[in-house]
Amino acid sequence: MLQSIVVLQILEAAQTPEEKAKILTRIFQGREYEPAEMEAFLVKTKEKEPQTVLGRLCAQFLDVMRKGQGKSETIDEHGILFQIRTRAVSDHQKLVLLNQNLRFLHRSAPIMQWLEQQAKHGTGVIKSGTERILSIVQQEIKMFRPDLTYDDAEGVKDPIVVQDFFRMTRTQKLWWLMARREDSLREEFIFQNAKTLMEQETDSFVISNLVKRIPEAIGAQEDLHIDLVKSLSIYEEHEDNRVRANLLEGYDVLMLKARYRVLLYPHICKAALEAKDNRIRSTALRIRYKYAPRETKTMVEQWISETRTLGTLASLRWLIESVSEVQEEFSEALKELEGILSASAKKIIAAKGVLTGDTPLR
């Protein structure tokens, strides 16, 4: 699948409403977009030119999207499993189906296992798509239950000994780790059992939460625990990008104490420079900017000047826009990125060329 930010750039670069309508129809039918970005584009265009062919088409597609988002309040586990496991359904259709049921996916262990398997061993669009879905589902409780409290975690009890934790199901562990607490029982339990939790927990979905909760528990202690903090580095090479990105957020918590900051800042710099995953890089960029704003700004400007492909450029724009703390500083850089993307997209349309992530800048 083309990167959605580039797809929408091509759409916006088309000259006439009729030409845009044709491109929009192809993109919409092929599901070559991120829902939030497409909805924003449809709303903007519908309001800007309500009487044109394009404006009326946007209104129609917007209605389809919104009906689709609200049509299901329960999960058809067997139906979804059948469709994602069969070759008769395209990868694009599988990802659309999963996106339509995002808030329910965590309820099904077989679906979550399939997602993790594809994220680890899949290829192409199915690998990148399932990685993104897992990243979103990880925050499902917070996204759809913003006022969640510990009392909402039905059936979940505080573990007394560490074995109690490992007897929990995946969903119970996530409720316990993510629900808001007004007391420090969870933090103290995690601190006392941190090494055992790190050694024995194998579910990457749970680990991706532990690598944030363990640093929070360490940071709540008055004394320093350097050895325990150093032991967290085993997750820096974890195969799951969610784990590595969340580990950086854990480091950010610990860096509130200067002694930990000296230890962990080099890890942040390394991730900002070397990480291949955008979520990891954006997290590292946000943290690095807090402590070295001018150096970080110079680094990003150098990335822009060295960019040679559309896919990389679009990825870089997403990287900057995802870190709200730096957007004002990088406003000129973002304008430059917009100009390059727009000009290149117009040339591709004029030449009827094929766009991929490796398309060189023209």
Protein backbone atom coordinates (compact mmCIF):
# COMPACT_ATOMS: atom_id res chain seq x y z
CA MET A 1 0.00 0.00 0.00
CA LEU A 2 1.28 3.48 -0.83
CA GLN A 3 2.03 5.61 2.16
CA SER A 4 -1.26 7.41 2.75
CA ILE A 5 0.31 10.81 3.19
CA VAL A 6 1.80 10.53 -0.32
CA VAL A 7 -1.46 9.21 -1.79
CA LEU A 8 -3.38 12.22 -0.47
CA GLN A 9 -0.65 14.53 -1.74
CA ILE A 10 -1.18 13.17 -5.28
CA LEU A 11 -4.92 13.63 -4.87
CA GLU A 12 -4.48 17.26 -3.84
CA ALA A 13 -2.05 17.88 -6.72
CA ALA A 14 -4.59 16.92 -9.42
CA GLN A 15 -5.72 19.90 -11.51
CA THR A 16 -9.50 19.59 -12.04
CA PRO A 17 -12.35 18.45 -9.75
CA GLU A 18 -13.18 15.70 -12.26
CA GLU A 19 -9.60 14.40 -12.23
CA LYS A 20 -9.58 14.52 -8.44
CA ALA A 21 -12.89 12.65 -8.33
CA LYS A 22 -11.45 9.81 -10.42
CA ILE A 23 -8.33 9.55 -8.26
CA LEU A 24 -10.39 9.75 -5.07
CA THR A 25 -12.65 6.93 -6.22
CA ARG A 26 -9.66 4.68 -6.97
CA ILE A 27 -8.04 5.46 -3.62
CA PHE A 28 -11.29 4.97 -1.67
CA GLN A 29 -12.24 1.72 -3.38
CA GLY A 30 -8.71 0.36 -3.01
CA ARG A 31 -8.56 1.38 0.68
CA GLU A 32 -5.23 3.12 0.05
CA TYR A 33 -5.56 5.52 2.94
CA GLU A 34 -5.48 5.99 6.69
CA PRO A 35 -9.06 6.57 7.93
CA ALA A 36 -8.30 9.68 10.01
CA GLU A 37 -6.38 11.37 7.18
CA MET A 38 -9.02 10.50 4.59
CA GLU A 39 -11.86 11.73 6.79
CA ALA A 40 -10.07 15.06 7.33
CA PHE A 41 -9.57 15.43 3.57
CA LEU A 42 -13.22 14.60 2.81
CA VAL A 43 -14.53 17.08 5.38
CA LYS A 44 -12.26 19.87 4.15
CA THR A 45 -13.09 19.34 0.47
CA LYS A 46 -16.84 18.93 1.05
CA GLU A 47 -16.98 22.25 2.91
CA LYS A 48 -14.73 24.03 0.41
CA GLU A 49 -16.62 23.08 -2.77
CA PRO A 50 -20.01 21.57 -1.84
CA GLN A 51 -21.59 22.02 -5.30
CA THR A 52 -18.89 20.40 -7.44
CA VAL A 53 -18.71 16.78 -8.55
CA LEU A 54 -15.80 16.31 -6.16
CA GLY A 55 -17.62 17.96 -3.24
CA ARG A 56 -20.68 15.76 -3.64
CA LEU A 57 -18.48 12.65 -3.97
CA CYS A 58 -16.63 13.61 -0.76
CA ALA A 59 -19.96 13.97 1.07
CA GLN A 60 -21.00 10.52 -0.17
CA PHE A 61 -17.72 8.84 0.85
CA LEU A 62 -17.75 10.63 4.21
CA ASP A 63 -21.21 9.22 4.92
CA VAL A 64 -19.99 5.72 3.99
CA MET A 65 -16.99 6.04 6.30
CA ARG A 66 -18.98 7.28 9.27
CA LYS A 67 -21.65 4.62 8.92
CA GLY A 68 -18.95 1.99 8.70
CA GLN A 69 -17.24 3.27 11.84
CA GLY A 70 -20.39 3.01 13.92
CA LYS A 71 -22.19 0.00 12.53
CA SER A 72 -20.75 -2.67 14.83
CA GLU A 73 -20.79 -2.73 18.61
CA THR A 74 -19.82 -6.39 19.00
CA ILE A 75 -17.09 -8.49 17.48
CA ASP A 76 -17.81 -11.41 15.17
CA GLU A 77 -14.70 -13.35 16.19
CA HIS A 78 -15.32 -16.40 14.01
CA GLY A 79 -16.23 -14.28 10.98
CA ILE A 80 -13.11 -12.17 11.30
CA LEU A 81 -10.87 -15.19 11.83
CA PHE A 82 -12.31 -16.88 8.75
CA GLN A 83 -11.65 -13.83 6.57
CA ILE A 84 -8.14 -13.04 7.77
CA ARG A 85 -7.04 -16.67 7.46
CA THR A 86 -8.29 -17.24 3.91
CA ARG A 87 -6.37 -16.43 0.75
CA ALA A 88 -9.61 -15.49 -0.99
CA VAL A 89 -9.61 -12.18 0.89
CA SER A 90 -6.94 -9.65 -0.16
CA ASP A 91 -4.48 -8.19 2.34
CA HIS A 92 -6.08 -4.76 1.86
CA GLN A 93 -9.54 -6.14 2.70
CA LYS A 94 -8.18 -7.92 5.78
CA LEU A 95 -6.66 -4.70 7.10
CA VAL A 96 -9.87 -2.75 6.43
CA LEU A 97 -11.87 -5.39 8.34
CA LEU A 98 -9.49 -5.26 11.29
CA ASN A 99 -9.49 -1.45 11.34
CA GLN A 100 -13.29 -1.47 11.45
CA ASN A 101 -13.16 -3.61 14.61
CA LEU A 102 -10.19 -2.00 16.36
CA ARG A 103 -11.85 -1.47 19.71
CA PHE A 104 -12.79 -5.14 20.00
CA LEU A 105 -9.69 -6.97 18.76
CA HIS A 106 -8.05 -7.28 22.18
CA ARG A 107 -10.97 -9.46 23.32
CA SER A 108 -9.94 -12.29 21.00
CA ALA A 109 -6.74 -14.19 21.76
CA PRO A 110 -6.75 -16.00 18.35
CA ILE A 111 -7.04 -12.70 16.46
CA MET A 112 -4.28 -11.12 18.56
CA GLN A 113 -2.05 -14.15 17.96
CA TRP A 114 -2.64 -13.87 14.21
CA LEU A 115 -1.81 -10.15 14.29
CA GLU A 116 1.43 -10.74 16.18
CA GLN A 117 2.40 -13.59 13.85
CA GLN A 118 1.88 -11.40 10.77
CA ALA A 119 3.69 -8.44 12.35
CA LYS A 120 6.70 -10.67 13.02
CA HIS A 121 6.80 -12.92 9.96
CA GLY A 122 4.54 -11.33 7.34
CA THR A 123 5.72 -9.31 4.36
CA GLY A 124 4.72 -6.13 2.56
CA VAL A 125 1.43 -4.45 3.34
CA ILE A 126 0.22 -7.12 5.75
CA LYS A 127 3.34 -6.77 7.93
CA SER A 128 3.28 -2.96 8.08
CA GLY A 129 -0.51 -2.93 8.50
CA THR A 130 -0.60 -5.40 11.38
CA GLU A 131 2.29 -3.61 13.11
CA ARG A 132 0.27 -0.40 13.01
CA ILE A 133 -2.91 -2.12 14.21
CA LEU A 134 -1.08 -3.72 17.14
CA SER A 135 0.33 -0.34 18.07
CA ILE A 136 -3.16 1.17 18.14
CA VAL A 137 -4.83 -1.76 19.91
CA GLN A 138 -2.19 -1.53 22.61
CA GLN A 139 -3.78 1.78 23.59
CA GLU A 140 -7.36 0.51 23.08
CA ILE A 141 -8.42 0.86 26.69
CA LYS A 142 -7.18 4.43 26.89
CA MET A 143 -8.56 5.37 23.46
CA PHE A 144 -12.11 4.17 23.99
CA ARG A 145 -12.34 4.35 27.79
CA PRO A 146 -10.64 7.67 28.64
CA ASP A 147 -12.14 7.75 32.14
CA LEU A 148 -11.11 4.20 32.97
CA THR A 149 -10.50 3.45 36.63
CA TYR A 150 -9.22 0.36 38.33
CA ASP A 151 -12.75 -0.53 39.45
CA ASP A 152 -13.70 -0.99 35.77
CA ALA A 153 -11.24 -3.89 35.47
CA GLU A 154 -13.92 -6.49 36.09
CA GLY A 155 -12.57 -9.79 37.41
CA VAL A 156 -9.04 -8.46 38.00
CA LYS A 157 -7.55 -8.60 41.48
CA ASP A 158 -4.28 -7.22 42.75
CA PRO A 159 -1.62 -9.94 42.62
CA ILE A 160 -0.20 -10.75 46.04
CA VAL A 161 2.78 -12.80 44.87
CA VAL A 162 4.38 -12.73 41.44
CA GLN A 163 2.83 -16.09 40.52
CA ASP A 164 -0.59 -14.41 40.76
CA PHE A 165 0.42 -12.10 37.92
CA PHE A 166 1.41 -14.97 35.64
CA ARG A 167 -1.91 -16.71 36.29
CA MET A 168 -3.75 -13.77 34.74
CA THR A 169 -4.91 -13.84 31.14
CA ARG A 170 -3.40 -11.38 28.70
CA THR A 171 -6.44 -9.09 28.94
CA GLN A 172 -6.39 -9.15 32.74
CA LYS A 173 -2.69 -8.25 32.76
CA LEU A 174 -3.35 -5.31 30.46
CA TRP A 175 -6.26 -4.05 32.56
CA TRP A 176 -4.11 -4.24 35.67
CA LEU A 177 -1.11 -2.56 34.04
CA MET A 178 -2.99 0.21 32.25
CA ALA A 179 -5.91 1.16 34.52
CA ARG A 180 -5.56 4.38 36.47
CA ARG A 181 -4.71 3.98 40.14
CA GLU A 182 -4.93 6.34 43.09
CA ASP A 183 -2.62 4.27 45.26
CA SER A 184 0.91 2.93 44.89
CA LEU A 185 0.19 -0.79 45.28
CA ARG A 186 0.85 -1.57 41.65
CA GLU A 187 4.08 0.43 41.49
CA GLU A 188 5.43 -1.24 44.64
CA PHE A 189 4.52 -4.72 43.38
CA ILE A 190 6.19 -4.08 40.03
CA PHE A 191 9.31 -2.66 41.67
CA GLN A 192 9.70 -5.60 44.05
CA ASN A 193 9.19 -8.16 41.26
CA ALA A 194 10.75 -6.30 38.33
CA LYS A 195 13.51 -8.80 37.58
CA THR A 196 11.16 -11.78 37.70
CA LEU A 197 8.65 -10.02 35.45
CA MET A 198 11.40 -9.21 32.96
CA GLU A 199 12.77 -12.73 32.99
CA GLN A 200 9.52 -14.67 32.76
CA GLU A 201 6.99 -12.60 30.79
CA THR A 202 7.04 -13.70 27.12
CA ASP A 203 3.97 -11.99 25.65
CA SER A 204 5.30 -9.02 23.69
CA PHE A 205 1.99 -7.22 24.09
CA VAL A 206 2.30 -7.34 27.88
CA ILE A 207 6.04 -6.61 27.75
CA SER A 208 5.34 -3.43 25.80
CA ASN A 209 3.41 -2.20 28.84
CA LEU A 210 5.85 -3.52 31.42
CA VAL A 211 8.73 -1.55 29.90
CA LYS A 212 6.84 1.64 30.78
CA ARG A 213 5.51 0.53 34.15
CA ILE A 214 8.82 -0.76 35.48
CA PRO A 215 10.59 2.61 34.93
CA GLU A 216 7.64 4.38 36.57
CA ALA A 217 7.96 2.08 39.58
CA ILE A 218 11.73 2.66 39.76
CA GLY A 219 11.26 6.42 39.45
CA ALA A 220 8.85 6.40 42.40
CA GLN A 221 11.62 5.13 44.68
CA GLU A 222 13.65 7.65 46.65
CA ASP A 223 16.90 5.74 46.20
CA LEU A 224 18.65 5.17 42.89
CA HIS A 225 18.66 1.69 41.37
CA ILE A 226 21.26 1.87 38.61
CA ASP A 227 21.67 -1.88 38.09
CA LEU A 228 17.94 -2.39 37.65
CA VAL A 229 17.77 0.50 35.16
CA LYS A 230 20.69 -0.94 33.19
CA SER A 231 18.93 -4.30 32.99
CA LEU A 232 16.14 -2.66 30.96
CA SER A 233 18.55 -2.36 28.03
CA ILE A 234 17.80 -5.98 27.07
CA TYR A 235 14.64 -4.63 25.43
CA GLU A 236 16.50 -2.19 23.18
CA GLU A 237 16.97 -4.96 20.62
CA HIS A 238 13.53 -6.53 21.08
CA GLU A 239 11.95 -7.71 17.82
CA ASP A 240 8.70 -5.85 18.56
CA ASN A 241 8.92 -2.15 17.69
CA ARG A 242 6.19 -1.35 20.25
CA VAL A 243 8.41 -2.66 23.02
CA ARG A 244 11.39 -0.58 21.91
CA ALA A 245 9.33 2.60 21.49
CA ASN A 246 7.63 2.18 24.88
CA LEU A 247 11.00 1.51 26.49
CA LEU A 248 12.10 4.99 25.39
CA GLU A 249 9.00 6.44 27.05
CA GLY A 250 10.04 4.59 30.18
CA TYR A 251 13.52 6.08 29.88
CA ASP A 252 11.90 9.52 29.60
CA VAL A 253 10.27 9.02 33.00
CA LEU A 254 13.55 7.94 34.58
CA MET A 255 15.44 10.87 33.04
CA LEU A 256 13.56 13.24 35.33
CA LYS A 257 16.33 12.29 37.76
CA ALA A 258 19.68 13.70 36.64
CA ARG A 259 21.66 10.57 37.57
CA TYR A 260 19.53 8.43 35.29
CA ARG A 261 19.64 11.11 32.60
CA VAL A 262 23.41 10.82 32.28
CA LEU A 263 23.05 7.08 31.90
CA LEU A 264 20.13 7.01 29.45
CA TYR A 265 20.54 10.09 27.22
CA PRO A 266 23.07 8.32 24.90
CA HIS A 267 20.46 5.59 24.33
CA ILE A 268 17.95 8.25 23.24
CA CYS A 269 20.45 9.79 20.81
CA LYS A 270 21.25 6.40 19.31
CA ALA A 271 17.57 5.60 18.73
CA ALA A 272 16.94 8.98 17.11
CA LEU A 273 19.78 8.38 14.63
CA GLU A 274 19.64 4.65 13.97
CA ALA A 275 16.09 3.37 14.52
CA LYS A 276 14.33 2.22 11.34
CA ASP A 277 10.81 2.39 12.78
CA ASN A 278 9.09 5.79 12.68
CA ARG A 279 7.38 5.38 16.02
CA ILE A 280 10.71 4.71 17.72
CA ARG A 281 12.39 7.63 15.97
CA SER A 282 9.58 10.07 16.75
CA THR A 283 9.62 9.05 20.42
CA ALA A 284 13.40 9.48 20.56
CA LEU A 285 13.17 12.80 18.71
CA ARG A 286 10.63 14.18 21.20
CA ILE A 287 12.75 13.19 24.21
CA ARG A 288 16.03 14.37 22.66
CA TYR A 289 14.49 17.74 21.82
CA LYS A 290 13.65 18.33 25.49
CA TYR A 291 17.33 18.23 26.42
CA ALA A 292 19.10 19.44 23.25
CA PRO A 293 16.68 21.53 21.14
CA ARG A 294 19.20 23.26 18.87
CA GLU A 295 21.22 20.13 18.15
CA THR A 296 18.05 18.16 17.47
CA LYS A 297 16.73 20.83 15.09
CA THR A 298 20.02 20.80 13.18
CA MET A 299 19.89 17.01 12.94
CA VAL A 300 16.38 17.02 11.47
CA GLU A 301 17.22 19.77 8.97
CA GLN A 302 20.14 17.64 7.80
CA TRP A 303 17.79 14.66 7.33
CA ILE A 304 15.61 16.83 5.08
CA SER A 305 18.53 18.00 2.96
CA GLU A 306 19.75 14.42 2.48
CA THR A 307 16.36 12.93 1.54
CA ARG A 308 16.28 11.39 -1.93
CA THR A 309 12.96 9.49 -2.23
CA LEU A 310 9.29 10.40 -1.86
CA GLY A 311 8.62 7.61 0.61
CA THR A 312 11.42 8.76 2.91
CA LEU A 313 10.31 12.37 2.60
CA ALA A 314 6.70 11.54 3.49
CA SER A 315 7.93 9.45 6.39
CA LEU A 316 10.04 12.36 7.60
CA ARG A 317 7.10 14.74 7.45
CA TRP A 318 5.02 12.31 9.50
CA LEU A 319 7.89 12.04 11.97
CA ILE A 320 8.00 15.80 12.55
CA GLU A 321 4.23 16.27 12.65
CA SER A 322 3.82 13.46 15.19
CA VAL A 323 5.94 15.32 17.74
CA SER A 324 3.90 18.36 18.75
CA GLU A 325 6.72 19.85 20.81
CA VAL A 326 8.85 20.51 17.71
CA GLN A 327 6.29 21.61 15.15
CA GLU A 328 6.69 25.33 15.79
CA GLU A 329 10.47 25.10 15.56
CA PHE A 330 10.24 23.12 12.36
CA SER A 331 7.48 25.15 10.66
CA GLU A 332 9.80 26.32 7.86
CA ALA A 333 11.12 22.80 7.37
CA LEU A 334 7.55 21.49 7.09
CA LYS A 335 6.74 24.13 4.46
CA GLU A 336 9.79 23.00 2.50
CA LEU A 337 8.65 19.37 2.74
CA GLU A 338 5.15 20.32 1.55
CA GLY A 339 6.58 22.13 -1.44
CA ILE A 340 8.81 19.25 -2.50
CA LEU A 341 6.04 16.67 -2.12
CA SER A 342 3.50 18.78 -4.00
CA ALA A 343 5.84 19.57 -6.88
CA SER A 344 6.93 15.94 -7.23
CA ALA A 345 3.34 14.67 -7.10
CA LYS A 346 2.29 17.06 -9.90
CA LYS A 347 5.15 15.88 -12.09
CA ILE A 348 4.22 12.25 -11.48
CA ILE A 349 0.61 12.93 -12.46
CA ALA A 350 1.69 14.81 -15.59
CA ALA A 351 4.00 11.99 -16.63
CA LYS A 352 1.46 9.32 -15.59
CA GLY A 353 4.28 7.71 -13.64
CA VAL A 354 4.05 5.01 -11.00
CA LEU A 355 4.52 6.07 -7.40
CA THR A 356 6.19 3.86 -4.82
CA GLY A 357 8.03 4.54 -1.61
CA ASP A 358 11.27 4.32 -3.62
CA THR A 359 10.22 6.89 -6.22
CA PRO A 360 13.14 9.35 -6.48
CA LEU A 361 12.53 13.07 -6.07
CA ARG A 362 12.23 14.87 -9.39
